[in-house]
PDB file of N, CA and C in Angstrom:
ATOM      1  N   MET A   1      -5.790  18.481  13.486  1.00  0.00           N
ATOM      2  CA  MET A   1      -6.054  17.353  13.303  1.00  0.00           C
ATOM      3  C   MET A   1      -4.502  16.227  12.502  1.00  0.00           C
ATOM      4  N   THR A   2      -4.431  15.255  13.012  1.00  0.00           N
ATOM      5  CA  THR A   2      -3.614  14.493  12.198  1.00  0.00           C
ATOM      6  C   THR A   2      -4.494  14.017  11.590  1.00  0.00           C
ATOM      7  N   LEU A   3      -3.598  13.186  10.708  1.00  0.00           N
ATOM      8  CA  LEU A   3      -4.316  12.437   9.381  1.00  0.00           C
ATOM      9  C   LEU A   3      -2.939  11.115   9.712  1.00  0.00           C
ATOM     10  N   SER A   4      -3.599   9.787   9.873  1.00  0.00           N
ATOM     11  CA  SER A   4      -2.751   8.655   9.992  1.00  0.00           C
ATOM     12  C   SER A   4      -2.835   7.833   8.541  1.00  0.00           C
ATOM     13  N   THR A   5      -2.183   6.560   8.292  1.00  0.00           N
ATOM     14  CA  THR A   5      -2.246   6.234   7.481  1.00  0.00           C
ATOM     15  C   THR A   5      -3.548   5.104   7.327  1.00  0.00           C
ATOM     16  N   LEU A   6      -3.832   4.831   8.462  1.00  0.00           N
ATOM     17  CA  LEU A   6      -5.258   4.113   8.717  1.00  0.00           C
ATOM     18  C   LEU A   6      -6.317   4.889   8.419  1.00  0.00           C
ATOM     19  N   ASP A   7      -6.379   6.655   8.129  1.00  0.00           N
ATOM     20  CA  ASP A   7      -7.373   7.023   7.664  1.00  0.00           C
ATOM     21  C   ASP A   7      -7.151   6.947   6.040  1.00  0.00           C
ATOM     22  N   PHE A   8      -6.079   6.472   5.249  1.00  0.00           N
ATOM     23  CA  PHE A   8      -6.297   6.261   3.858  1.00  0.00           C
ATOM     24  C   PHE A   8      -6.357   4.803   3.180  1.00  0.00           C
ATOM     25  N   PHE A   9      -5.895   4.290   3.964  1.00  0.00           N
ATOM     26  CA  PHE A   9      -5.398   2.518   3.712  1.00  0.00           C
ATOM     27  C   PHE A   9      -6.056   1.631   4.635  1.00  0.00           C
ATOM     28  N   THR A  10      -6.481   0.634   4.202  1.00  0.00           N
ATOM     29  CA  THR A  10      -7.196  -0.444   5.227  1.00  0.00           C
ATOM     30  C   THR A  10      -6.473  -1.772   4.606  1.00  0.00           C
ATOM     31  N   ARG A  11      -5.912  -2.606   5.898  1.00  0.00           N
ATOM     32  CA  ARG A  11      -4.993  -3.949   5.543  1.00  0.00           C
ATOM     33  C   ARG A  11      -5.996  -4.702   4.841  1.00  0.00           C
ATOM     34  N   SER A  12      -5.550  -5.556   3.762  1.00  0.00           N
ATOM     35  CA  SER A  12      -6.486  -6.847   3.295  1.00  0.00           C
ATOM     36  C   SER A  12      -6.020  -7.630   4.234  1.00  0.00           C
ATOM     37  N   PHE A  13      -7.045  -8.737   5.319  1.00  0.00           N
ATOM     38  CA  PHE A  13      -6.353  -9.558   5.808  1.00  0.00           C
ATOM     39  C   PHE A  13      -6.979 -11.112   5.250  1.00  0.00           C
ATOM     40  N   THR A  14      -6.947 -11.175   4.053  1.00  0.00           N
ATOM     41  CA  THR A  14      -7.657 -12.646   3.172  1.00  0.00           C
ATOM     42  C   THR A  14      -6.216 -13.625   3.454  1.00  0.00           C
ATOM     43  N   GLY A  15      -4.785 -13.124   3.204  1.00  0.00           N
ATOM     44  CA  GLY A  15      -3.990 -14.186   3.440  1.00  0.00           C
ATOM     45  C   GLY A  15      -3.794 -14.636   2.319  1.00  0.00           C
ATOM     46  N   LEU A  16      -4.285 -14.535   1.066  1.00  0.00           N
ATOM     47  CA  LEU A  16      -4.483 -15.082  -0.103  1.00  0.00           C
ATOM     48  C   LEU A  16      -2.907 -15.382  -0.719  1.00  0.00           C
ATOM     49  N   ARG A  17      -1.946 -14.275  -0.747  1.00  0.00           N
ATOM     50  CA  ARG A  17      -0.604 -14.375  -1.431  1.00  0.00           C
ATOM     51  C   ARG A  17      -0.319 -12.838  -1.203  1.00  0.00           C
ATOM     52  N   GLY A  18       0.935 -13.110  -1.538  1.00  0.00           N
ATOM     53  CA  GLY A  18       1.601 -11.608  -1.152  1.00  0.00           C
ATOM     54  C   GLY A  18       2.144 -11.823   0.441  1.00  0.00           C
ATOM     55  N   HIS A  19       2.896 -10.536   0.731  1.00  0.00           N
ATOM     56  CA  HIS A  19       3.294 -10.359   1.979  1.00  0.00           C
ATOM     57  C   HIS A  19       2.262 -10.011   2.555  1.00  0.00           C
ATOM     58  N   GLU A  20       2.668  -9.728   3.889  1.00  0.00           N
ATOM     59  CA  GLU A  20       1.744  -9.705   5.093  1.00  0.00           C
ATOM     60  C   GLU A  20       1.388  -7.939   4.938  1.00  0.00           C
ATOM     61  N   LEU A  21       1.629  -7.194   4.256  1.00  0.00           N
ATOM     62  CA  LEU A  21       1.093  -5.651   4.712  1.00  0.00           C
ATOM     63  C   LEU A  21       0.134  -5.429   3.098  1.00  0.00           C
ATOM     64  N   VAL A  22      -0.356  -6.220   2.306  1.00  0.00           N
ATOM     65  CA  VAL A  22      -1.137  -6.184   1.256  1.00  0.00           C
ATOM     66  C   VAL A  22      -2.184  -5.082   2.016  1.00  0.00           C
ATOM     67  N   LEU A  23      -2.223  -4.317   1.240  1.00  0.00           N
ATOM     68  CA  LEU A  23      -3.559  -3.051   0.784  1.00  0.00           C
ATOM     69  C   LEU A  23      -4.650  -3.452   0.255  1.00  0.00           C
ATOM     70  N   PHE A  24      -5.967  -3.110   0.745  1.00  0.00           N
ATOM     71  CA  PHE A  24      -7.020  -3.700   0.699  1.00  0.00           C
ATOM     72  C   PHE A  24      -7.264  -2.608  -0.512  1.00  0.00           C
ATOM     73  N   LYS A  25      -8.240  -3.222  -1.567  1.00  0.00           N
ATOM     74  CA  LYS A  25      -8.211  -2.165  -2.706  1.00  0.00           C
ATOM     75  C   LYS A  25      -9.875  -2.148  -2.766  1.00  0.00           C
ATOM     76  N   PRO A  26     -10.557  -0.958  -2.696  1.00  0.00           N
ATOM     77  CA  PRO A  26     -12.164  -0.648  -2.343  1.00  0.00           C
ATOM     78  C   PRO A  26     -12.653  -0.427  -3.975  1.00  0.00           C
ATOM     79  N   GLN A  27     -13.897  -0.964  -4.281  1.00  0.00           N
ATOM     80  CA  GLN A  27     -14.289  -0.823  -5.592  1.00  0.00           C
ATOM     81  C   GLN A  27     -14.982   0.618  -5.497  1.00  0.00           C
ATOM     82  N   PHE A  28     -15.100   1.332  -6.190  1.00  0.00           N
ATOM     83  CA  PHE A  28     -15.859   2.788  -6.456  1.00  0.00           C
ATOM     84  C   PHE A  28     -16.778   3.021  -7.813  1.00  0.00           C
ATOM     85  N   CYS A  29     -17.727   3.670  -7.577  1.00  0.00           N
ATOM     86  CA  CYS A  29     -18.281   3.773  -8.870  1.00  0.00           C
ATOM     87  C   CYS A  29     -17.803   5.223  -9.379  1.00  0.00           C
ATOM     88  N   LEU A  30     -17.941   6.255  -8.672  1.00  0.00           N
ATOM     89  CA  LEU A  30     -17.513   7.101  -9.118  1.00  0.00           C
ATOM     90  C   LEU A  30     -15.726   7.471  -9.315  1.00  0.00           C
ATOM     91  N   ASP A  31     -15.661   8.151 -10.379  1.00  0.00           N
ATOM     92  CA  ASP A  31     -14.570   8.280 -11.349  1.00  0.00           C
ATOM     93  C   ASP A  31     -13.378   8.993 -10.394  1.00  0.00           C
ATOM     94  N   ALA A  32     -13.693   9.919  -9.917  1.00  0.00           N
ATOM     95  CA  ALA A  32     -13.029  10.948  -8.844  1.00  0.00           C
ATOM     96  C   ALA A  32     -12.213  10.508  -7.749  1.00  0.00           C
ATOM     97  N   ARG A  33     -12.992   9.592  -7.183  1.00  0.00           N
ATOM     98  CA  ARG A  33     -12.305   8.549  -6.258  1.00  0.00           C
ATOM     99  C   ARG A  33     -11.396   7.502  -6.728  1.00  0.00           C
ATOM    100  N   LYS A  34     -12.051   6.554  -7.950  1.00  0.00           N
ATOM    101  CA  LYS A  34     -11.413   5.644  -8.716  1.00  0.00           C
ATOM    102  C   LYS A  34      -9.833   6.096  -8.545  1.00  0.00           C
ATOM    103  N   TYR A  35      -9.499   6.968  -9.390  1.00  0.00           N
ATOM    104  CA  TYR A  35      -8.129   7.793 -10.051  1.00  0.00           C
ATOM    105  C   TYR A  35      -7.955   8.326  -9.014  1.00  0.00           C
ATOM    106  N   SER A  36      -7.708   8.611  -7.635  1.00  0.00           N
ATOM    107  CA  SER A  36      -7.163   9.206  -6.745  1.00  0.00           C
ATOM    108  C   SER A  36      -5.926   8.593  -6.492  1.00  0.00           C
ATOM    109  N   PHE A  37      -5.014   9.576  -5.663  1.00  0.00           N
ATOM    110  CA  PHE A  37      -3.425   8.780  -5.452  1.00  0.00           C
ATOM    111  C   PHE A  37      -3.944   7.912  -4.653  1.00  0.00           C
ATOM    112  N   THR A  38      -4.501   7.988  -3.520  1.00  0.00           N
ATOM    113  CA  THR A  38      -4.238   6.472  -2.739  1.00  0.00           C
ATOM    114  C   THR A  38      -4.850   5.282  -3.209  1.00  0.00           C
ATOM    115  N   ILE A  39      -5.820   5.213  -4.182  1.00  0.00           N
ATOM    116  CA  ILE A  39      -5.873   4.158  -5.093  1.00  0.00           C
ATOM    117  C   ILE A  39      -5.310   3.824  -6.130  1.00  0.00           C
ATOM    118  N   ARG A  40      -4.513   4.621  -6.809  1.00  0.00           N
ATOM    119  CA  ARG A  40      -3.585   4.329  -7.599  1.00  0.00           C
ATOM    120  C   ARG A  40      -2.076   3.578  -6.998  1.00  0.00           C
ATOM    121  N   VAL A  41      -1.577   4.017  -5.898  1.00  0.00           N
ATOM    122  CA  VAL A  41      -0.516   3.676  -5.193  1.00  0.00           C
ATOM    123  C   VAL A  41      -0.451   2.193  -4.901  1.00  0.00           C
ATOM    124  N   ILE A  42      -1.828   1.498  -4.508  1.00  0.00           N
ATOM    125  CA  ILE A  42      -2.159   0.271  -3.851  1.00  0.00           C
ATOM    126  C   ILE A  42      -1.606  -0.712  -4.371  1.00  0.00           C
ATOM    127  N   ASP A  43      -1.923  -0.718  -5.917  1.00  0.00           N
ATOM    128  CA  ASP A  43      -1.687  -1.883  -6.484  1.00  0.00           C
ATOM    129  C   ASP A  43       0.196  -2.251  -6.921  1.00  0.00           C
ATOM    130  N   SER A  44       0.665  -0.561  -6.860  1.00  0.00           N
ATOM    131  CA  SER A  44       2.257  -0.637  -6.861  1.00  0.00           C
ATOM    132  C   SER A  44       2.703  -1.019  -5.161  1.00  0.00           C
ATOM    133  N   TRP A  45       2.306  -0.659  -4.012  1.00  0.00           N
ATOM    134  CA  TRP A  45       2.255  -1.335  -3.087  1.00  0.00           C
ATOM    135  C   TRP A  45       2.323  -2.822  -2.857  1.00  0.00           C
ATOM    136  N   ASN A  46       1.686  -3.234  -3.137  1.00  0.00           N
ATOM    137  CA  ASN A  46       1.186  -4.734  -3.372  1.00  0.00           C
ATOM    138  C   ASN A  46       1.855  -5.305  -4.119  1.00  0.00           C
ATOM    139  N   ASN A  47       2.583  -4.866  -4.848  1.00  0.00           N
ATOM    140  CA  ASN A  47       3.604  -5.539  -5.694  1.00  0.00           C
ATOM    141  C   ASN A  47       4.963  -5.336  -5.533  1.00  0.00           C
ATOM    142  N   LEU A  48       5.152  -4.843  -4.716  1.00  0.00           N
ATOM    143  CA  LEU A  48       6.467  -4.589  -3.806  1.00  0.00           C
ATOM    144  C   LEU A  48       7.121  -6.360  -3.731  1.00  0.00           C
ATOM    145  N   PRO A  49       8.184  -6.497  -3.632  1.00  0.00           N
ATOM    146  CA  PRO A  49       9.284  -7.830  -3.110  1.00  0.00           C
ATOM    147  C   PRO A  49       8.908  -7.599  -1.641  1.00  0.00           C
ATOM    148  N   ILE A  50       8.985  -8.823  -1.040  1.00  0.00           N
ATOM    149  CA  ILE A  50       8.977  -8.963   0.449  1.00  0.00           C
ATOM    150  C   ILE A  50      10.005  -8.056   0.831  1.00  0.00           C
ATOM    151  N   TRP A  51      11.354  -8.816   0.045  1.00  0.00           N
ATOM    152  CA  TRP A  51      12.689  -8.245   0.992  1.00  0.00           C
ATOM    153  C   TRP A  51      12.854  -6.532   0.684  1.00  0.00           C
ATOM    154  N   LEU A  52      11.942  -5.765  -0.073  1.00  0.00           N
ATOM    155  CA  LEU A  52      12.157  -4.609  -0.082  1.00  0.00           C
ATOM    156  C   LEU A  52      11.087  -3.829   1.166  1.00  0.00           C
ATOM    157  N   ILE A  53       9.872  -4.510   1.276  1.00  0.00           N
ATOM    158  CA  ILE A  53       8.920  -3.987   2.645  1.00  0.00           C
ATOM    159  C   ILE A  53       9.422  -4.381   3.833  1.00  0.00           C
ATOM    160  N   ASN A  54      10.314  -5.003   4.094  1.00  0.00           N
ATOM    161  CA  ASN A  54      10.291  -5.559   5.599  1.00  0.00           C
ATOM    162  C   ASN A  54      11.970  -5.001   5.632  1.00  0.00           C
ATOM    163  N   CYS A  55      12.152  -3.875   5.082  1.00  0.00           N
ATOM    164  CA  CYS A  55      13.356  -2.972   5.643  1.00  0.00           C
ATOM    165  C   CYS A  55      13.119  -2.098   7.139  1.00  0.00           C
ATOM    166  N   GLY A  56      14.246  -2.373   7.696  1.00  0.00           N
ATOM    167  CA  GLY A  56      14.413  -1.674   9.128  1.00  0.00           C
ATOM    168  C   GLY A  56      13.493  -0.140   8.853  1.00  0.00           C
ATOM    169  N   THR A  57      14.300   0.350   7.902  1.00  0.00           N
ATOM    170  CA  THR A  57      14.391   1.838   7.976  1.00  0.00           C
ATOM    171  C   THR A  57      13.642   2.868   6.834  1.00  0.00           C
ATOM    172  N   LEU A  58      13.870   3.901   7.073  1.00  0.00           N
ATOM    173  CA  LEU A  58      13.352   4.413   5.699  1.00  0.00           C
ATOM    174  C   LEU A  58      14.417   4.752   4.852  1.00  0.00           C
ATOM    175  N   GLU A  59      15.700   4.960   5.188  1.00  0.00           N
ATOM    176  CA  GLU A  59      16.526   5.029   4.511  1.00  0.00           C
ATOM    177  C   GLU A  59      17.124   3.754   3.807  1.00  0.00           C
ATOM    178  N   LEU A  60      16.945   2.638   4.408  1.00  0.00           N
ATOM    179  CA  LEU A  60      17.726   1.141   4.010  1.00  0.00           C
ATOM    180  C   LEU A  60      16.233   1.131   2.655  1.00  0.00           C
ATOM    181  N   PHE A  61      15.270   1.408   3.033  1.00  0.00           N
ATOM    182  CA  PHE A  61      13.966   1.097   2.082  1.00  0.00           C
ATOM    183  C   PHE A  61      14.085   2.329   0.882  1.00  0.00           C
ATOM    184  N   LYS A  62      14.659   3.463   0.863  1.00  0.00           N
ATOM    185  CA  LYS A  62      15.240   4.093  -0.256  1.00  0.00           C
ATOM    186  C   LYS A  62      16.391   3.941  -1.165  1.00  0.00           C
ATOM    187  N   ASN A  63      17.585   3.295  -0.229  1.00  0.00           N
ATOM    188  CA  ASN A  63      18.476   2.491  -1.002  1.00  0.00           C
ATOM    189  C   ASN A  63      18.268   1.479  -1.930  1.00  0.00           C
ATOM    190  N   ARG A  64      17.513   0.713  -1.444  1.00  0.00           N
ATOM    191  CA  ARG A  64      16.966  -0.743  -2.173  1.00  0.00           C
ATOM    192  C   ARG A  64      16.051  -0.549  -3.175  1.00  0.00           C
ATOM    193  N   ILE A  65      15.250   0.662  -3.093  1.00  0.00           N
ATOM    194  CA  ILE A  65      14.244   0.749  -4.228  1.00  0.00           C
ATOM    195  C   ILE A  65      15.181   1.386  -5.624  1.00  0.00           C
ATOM    196  N   ASP A  66      16.169   1.796  -5.437  1.00  0.00           N
ATOM    197  CA  ASP A  66      16.718   2.575  -6.232  1.00  0.00           C
ATOM    198  C   ASP A  66      17.695   1.619  -6.870  1.00  0.00           C
TER     199      ASP A  66
END
């Protein structure tokens, strides 16, 4: 069984602000899920600038993030 990013993340389609690849951050009552890795990285991803997210390749992304 292979997992994809769709199993962990959901795109937000509100269109309020930011780039077009903003991820939806669900609300949880349990702390175990609230502090998991996939939930913690959503804020970091959503705060990245558009010029960094629209890189064509992984190598270019790595070079720009440094």
